[in-house]
Amino acid sequence: MNTIIVKHKGPEVYLGSIRFDDKTYTCALGKTGITDDKHEGDNATP
C-alpha cells in the first residue's frame, strides 16, 4: 500500500507539499491550514 504524506510548507498556512511514491509535489491547502479535527465549512484540509 502506498502512503500519501501532506505537510505544511512555508509561512502561509495554505501552502503545502504532498509526498507520494518518492515524489514531492506542491499543493494548496485549506485557508486555515491542516487539521486532524475536520468539520464541514472550516476551510481546513484533513
PDB file of N, CA and C in Angstrom:
ATOM      1  N   MET A   1       0.836  -1.172   0.000  1.00  0.00           N
ATOM      2  CA  MET A   1       0.000   0.000   0.000  1.00  0.00           C
ATOM      3  C   MET A   1       0.883   1.238   0.000  1.00  0.00           C
ATOM      4  N   ASN A   2       0.520   2.222  -0.805  1.00  0.00           N
ATOM      5  CA  ASN A   2       1.254   3.483  -0.857  1.00  0.00           C
ATOM      6  C   ASN A   2       0.751   4.433   0.209  1.00  0.00           C
ATOM      7  N   THR A   3       1.646   5.273   0.686  1.00  0.00           N
ATOM      8  CA  THR A   3       1.306   6.267   1.698  1.00  0.00           C
ATOM      9  C   THR A   3       1.393   7.654   1.091  1.00  0.00           C
ATOM     10  N   ILE A   4       0.411   8.498   1.375  1.00  0.00           N
ATOM     11  CA  ILE A   4       0.424   9.898   0.954  1.00  0.00           C
ATOM     12  C   ILE A   4       0.677  10.735   2.203  1.00  0.00           C
ATOM     13  N   ILE A   5       1.687  11.623   2.131  1.00  0.00           N
ATOM     14  CA  ILE A   5       2.030  12.489   3.257  1.00  0.00           C
ATOM     15  C   ILE A   5       1.799  13.931   2.826  1.00  0.00           C
ATOM     16  N   VAL A   6       0.993  14.665   3.595  1.00  0.00           N
ATOM     17  CA  VAL A   6       0.723  16.075   3.326  1.00  0.00           C
ATOM     18  C   VAL A   6       1.313  16.883   4.470  1.00  0.00           C
ATOM     19  N   LYS A   7       2.100  17.913   4.122  1.00  0.00           N
ATOM     20  CA  LYS A   7       2.728  18.757   5.138  1.00  0.00           C
ATOM     21  C   LYS A   7       2.536  20.223   4.792  1.00  0.00           C
ATOM     22  N   HIS A   8       2.554  21.043   5.827  1.00  0.00           N
ATOM     23  CA  HIS A   8       2.542  22.496   5.684  1.00  0.00           C
ATOM     24  C   HIS A   8       3.896  22.921   5.122  1.00  0.00           C
ATOM     25  N   LYS A   9       3.919  23.927   4.252  1.00  0.00           N
ATOM     26  CA  LYS A   9       5.169  24.367   3.638  1.00  0.00           C
ATOM     27  C   LYS A   9       5.178  25.889   3.547  1.00  0.00           C
ATOM     28  N   GLY A  10       6.143  26.517   4.149  1.00  0.00           N
ATOM     29  CA  GLY A  10       6.270  27.962   4.057  1.00  0.00           C
ATOM     30  C   GLY A  10       5.480  28.701   5.115  1.00  0.00           C
ATOM     31  N   PRO A  11       5.567  30.020   5.107  1.00  0.00           N
ATOM     32  CA  PRO A  11       4.906  30.826   6.137  1.00  0.00           C
ATOM     33  C   PRO A  11       3.383  30.920   5.967  1.00  0.00           C
ATOM     34  N   GLU A  12       2.874  30.735   4.750  1.00  0.00           N
ATOM     35  CA  GLU A  12       1.438  30.804   4.519  1.00  0.00           C
ATOM     36  C   GLU A  12       0.803  29.457   4.847  1.00  0.00           C
ATOM     37  N   VAL A  13      -0.279  29.447   5.632  1.00  0.00           N
ATOM     38  CA  VAL A  13      -0.900  28.193   6.076  1.00  0.00           C
ATOM     39  C   VAL A  13      -1.533  27.415   4.926  1.00  0.00           C
ATOM     40  N   TYR A  14      -1.783  28.062   3.799  1.00  0.00           N
ATOM     41  CA  TYR A  14      -2.444  27.394   2.680  1.00  0.00           C
ATOM     42  C   TYR A  14      -1.478  26.753   1.677  1.00  0.00           C
ATOM     43  N   LEU A  15      -0.176  26.837   1.909  1.00  0.00           N
ATOM     44  CA  LEU A  15       0.801  26.195   1.033  1.00  0.00           C
ATOM     45  C   LEU A  15       1.274  24.891   1.663  1.00  0.00           C
ATOM     46  N   GLY A  16       1.358  23.848   0.843  1.00  0.00           N
ATOM     47  CA  GLY A  16       1.786  22.564   1.374  1.00  0.00           C
ATOM     48  C   GLY A  16       2.542  21.751   0.365  1.00  0.00           C
ATOM     49  N   SER A  17       2.909  20.557   0.768  1.00  0.00           N
ATOM     50  CA  SER A  17       3.548  19.611  -0.132  1.00  0.00           C
ATOM     51  C   SER A  17       2.946  18.230   0.103  1.00  0.00           C
ATOM     52  N   ILE A  18       2.867  17.476  -0.981  1.00  0.00           N
ATOM     53  CA  ILE A  18       2.371  16.101  -0.934  1.00  0.00           C
ATOM     54  C   ILE A  18       3.508  15.200  -1.375  1.00  0.00           C
ATOM     55  N   ARG A  19       3.777  14.164  -0.585  1.00  0.00           N
ATOM     56  CA  ARG A  19       4.791  13.164  -0.948  1.00  0.00           C
ATOM     57  C   ARG A  19       4.086  11.849  -1.232  1.00  0.00           C
ATOM     58  N   PHE A  20       4.355  11.295  -2.435  1.00  0.00           N
ATOM     59  CA  PHE A  20       3.729  10.052  -2.877  1.00  0.00           C
ATOM     60  C   PHE A  20       4.684   9.341  -3.828  1.00  0.00           C
ATOM     61  N   ASP A  21       4.935   8.071  -3.578  1.00  0.00           N
ATOM     62  CA  ASP A  21       5.838   7.277  -4.426  1.00  0.00           C
ATOM     63  C   ASP A  21       7.190   7.948  -4.632  1.00  0.00           C
ATOM     64  N   ASP A  22       7.799   8.434  -3.551  1.00  0.00           N
ATOM     65  CA  ASP A  22       9.129   9.074  -3.582  1.00  0.00           C
ATOM     66  C   ASP A  22       9.185  10.339  -4.426  1.00  0.00           C
ATOM     67  N   LYS A  23       8.047  10.944  -4.707  1.00  0.00           N
ATOM     68  CA  LYS A  23       7.991  12.216  -5.426  1.00  0.00           C
ATOM     69  C   LYS A  23       7.267  13.216  -4.539  1.00  0.00           C
ATOM     70  N   THR A  24       7.695  14.480  -4.581  1.00  0.00           N
ATOM     71  CA  THR A  24       7.073  15.535  -3.787  1.00  0.00           C
ATOM     72  C   THR A  24       6.484  16.578  -4.725  1.00  0.00           C
ATOM     73  N   TYR A  25       5.255  16.975  -4.434  1.00  0.00           N
ATOM     74  CA  TYR A  25       4.531  17.952  -5.243  1.00  0.00           C
ATOM     75  C   TYR A  25       4.068  19.090  -4.337  1.00  0.00           C
ATOM     76  N   THR A  26       4.043  20.309  -4.876  1.00  0.00           N
ATOM     77  CA  THR A  26       3.487  21.446  -4.162  1.00  0.00           C
ATOM     78  C   THR A  26       1.974  21.373  -4.289  1.00  0.00           C
ATOM     79  N   CYS A  27       1.270  21.769  -3.219  1.00  0.00           N
ATOM     80  CA  CYS A  27      -0.189  21.733  -3.260  1.00  0.00           C
ATOM     81  C   CYS A  27      -0.772  22.926  -2.509  1.00  0.00           C
ATOM     82  N   ALA A  28      -2.061  23.136  -2.698  1.00  0.00           N
ATOM     83  CA  ALA A  28      -2.789  24.158  -1.955  1.00  0.00           C
ATOM     84  C   ALA A  28      -3.576  23.473  -0.855  1.00  0.00           C
ATOM     85  N   LEU A  29      -3.584  24.080   0.320  1.00  0.00           N
ATOM     86  CA  LEU A  29      -4.335  23.562   1.454  1.00  0.00           C
ATOM     87  C   LEU A  29      -5.528  24.472   1.712  1.00  0.00           C
ATOM     88  N   GLY A  30      -6.379  24.090   2.637  1.00  0.00           N
ATOM     89  CA  GLY A  30      -7.499  24.947   3.023  1.00  0.00           C
ATOM     90  C   GLY A  30      -6.996  26.272   3.577  1.00  0.00           C
ATOM     91  N   LYS A  31      -7.837  27.291   3.558  1.00  0.00           N
ATOM     92  CA  LYS A  31      -7.441  28.633   4.005  1.00  0.00           C
ATOM     93  C   LYS A  31      -6.922  28.665   5.429  1.00  0.00           C
ATOM     94  N   THR A  32      -7.337  27.713   6.260  1.00  0.00           N
ATOM     95  CA  THR A  32      -6.885  27.701   7.651  1.00  0.00           C
ATOM     96  C   THR A  32      -5.854  26.613   7.927  1.00  0.00           C
ATOM     97  N   GLY A  33      -5.296  26.024   6.864  1.00  0.00           N
ATOM     98  CA  GLY A  33      -4.220  25.053   7.026  1.00  0.00           C
ATOM     99  C   GLY A  33      -4.690  23.615   7.197  1.00  0.00           C
ATOM    100  N   ILE A  34      -3.893  22.813   7.881  1.00  0.00           N
ATOM    101  CA  ILE A  34      -4.144  21.385   8.070  1.00  0.00           C
ATOM    102  C   ILE A  34      -4.737  21.163   9.459  1.00  0.00           C
ATOM    103  N   THR A  35      -5.697  20.238   9.544  1.00  0.00           N
ATOM    104  CA  THR A  35      -6.273  19.892  10.838  1.00  0.00           C
ATOM    105  C   THR A  35      -6.550  18.392  10.897  1.00  0.00           C
ATOM    106  N   ASP A  36      -6.551  17.838  12.093  1.00  0.00           N
ATOM    107  CA  ASP A  36      -6.969  16.445  12.249  1.00  0.00           C
ATOM    108  C   ASP A  36      -8.347  16.372  12.890  1.00  0.00           C
ATOM    109  N   ASP A  37      -8.977  17.545  13.066  1.00  0.00           N
ATOM    110  CA  ASP A  37     -10.331  17.632  13.610  1.00  0.00           C
ATOM    111  C   ASP A  37     -11.218  18.340  12.584  1.00  0.00           C
ATOM    112  N   LYS A  38     -11.387  17.723  11.416  1.00  0.00           N
ATOM    113  CA  LYS A  38     -12.080  18.314  10.277  1.00  0.00           C
ATOM    114  C   LYS A  38     -13.577  18.409  10.507  1.00  0.00           C
ATOM    115  N   HIS A  39     -14.144  19.594  10.150  1.00  0.00           N
ATOM    116  CA  HIS A  39     -15.578  19.827  10.181  1.00  0.00           C
ATOM    117  C   HIS A  39     -15.978  20.541   8.903  1.00  0.00           C
ATOM    118  N   GLU A  40     -17.138  20.238   8.388  1.00  0.00           N
ATOM    119  CA  GLU A  40     -17.628  20.883   7.177  1.00  0.00           C
ATOM    120  C   GLU A  40     -17.640  22.401   7.338  1.00  0.00           C
ATOM    121  N   GLY A  41     -17.077  23.113   6.360  1.00  0.00           N
ATOM    122  CA  GLY A  41     -17.077  24.560   6.383  1.00  0.00           C
ATOM    123  C   GLY A  41     -15.960  25.210   7.165  1.00  0.00           C
ATOM    124  N   ASP A  42     -14.993  24.439   7.686  1.00  0.00           N
ATOM    125  CA  ASP A  42     -13.918  25.042   8.487  1.00  0.00           C
ATOM    126  C   ASP A  42     -12.753  25.536   7.648  1.00  0.00           C
ATOM    127  N   ASN A  43     -12.822  25.361   6.329  1.00  0.00           N
ATOM    128  CA  ASN A  43     -11.773  25.818   5.393  1.00  0.00           C
ATOM    129  C   ASN A  43     -10.415  25.195   5.688  1.00  0.00           C
ATOM    130  N   ALA A  44     -10.385  24.001   6.240  1.00  0.00           N
ATOM    131  CA  ALA A  44      -9.133  23.318   6.554  1.00  0.00           C
ATOM    132  C   ALA A  44      -9.016  22.028   5.743  1.00  0.00           C
ATOM    133  N   THR A  45      -7.800  21.555   5.610  1.00  0.00           N
ATOM    134  CA  THR A  45      -7.513  20.302   4.917  1.00  0.00           C
ATOM    135  C   THR A  45      -7.304  19.211   5.955  1.00  0.00           C
ATOM    136  N   PRO A  46      -8.001  18.073   5.779  1.00  0.00           N
ATOM    137  CA  PRO A  46      -7.836  16.983   6.770  1.00  0.00           C
ATOM    138  C   PRO A  46      -6.478  16.312   6.669  1.00  0.00           C
TER     139      PRO A  46
END
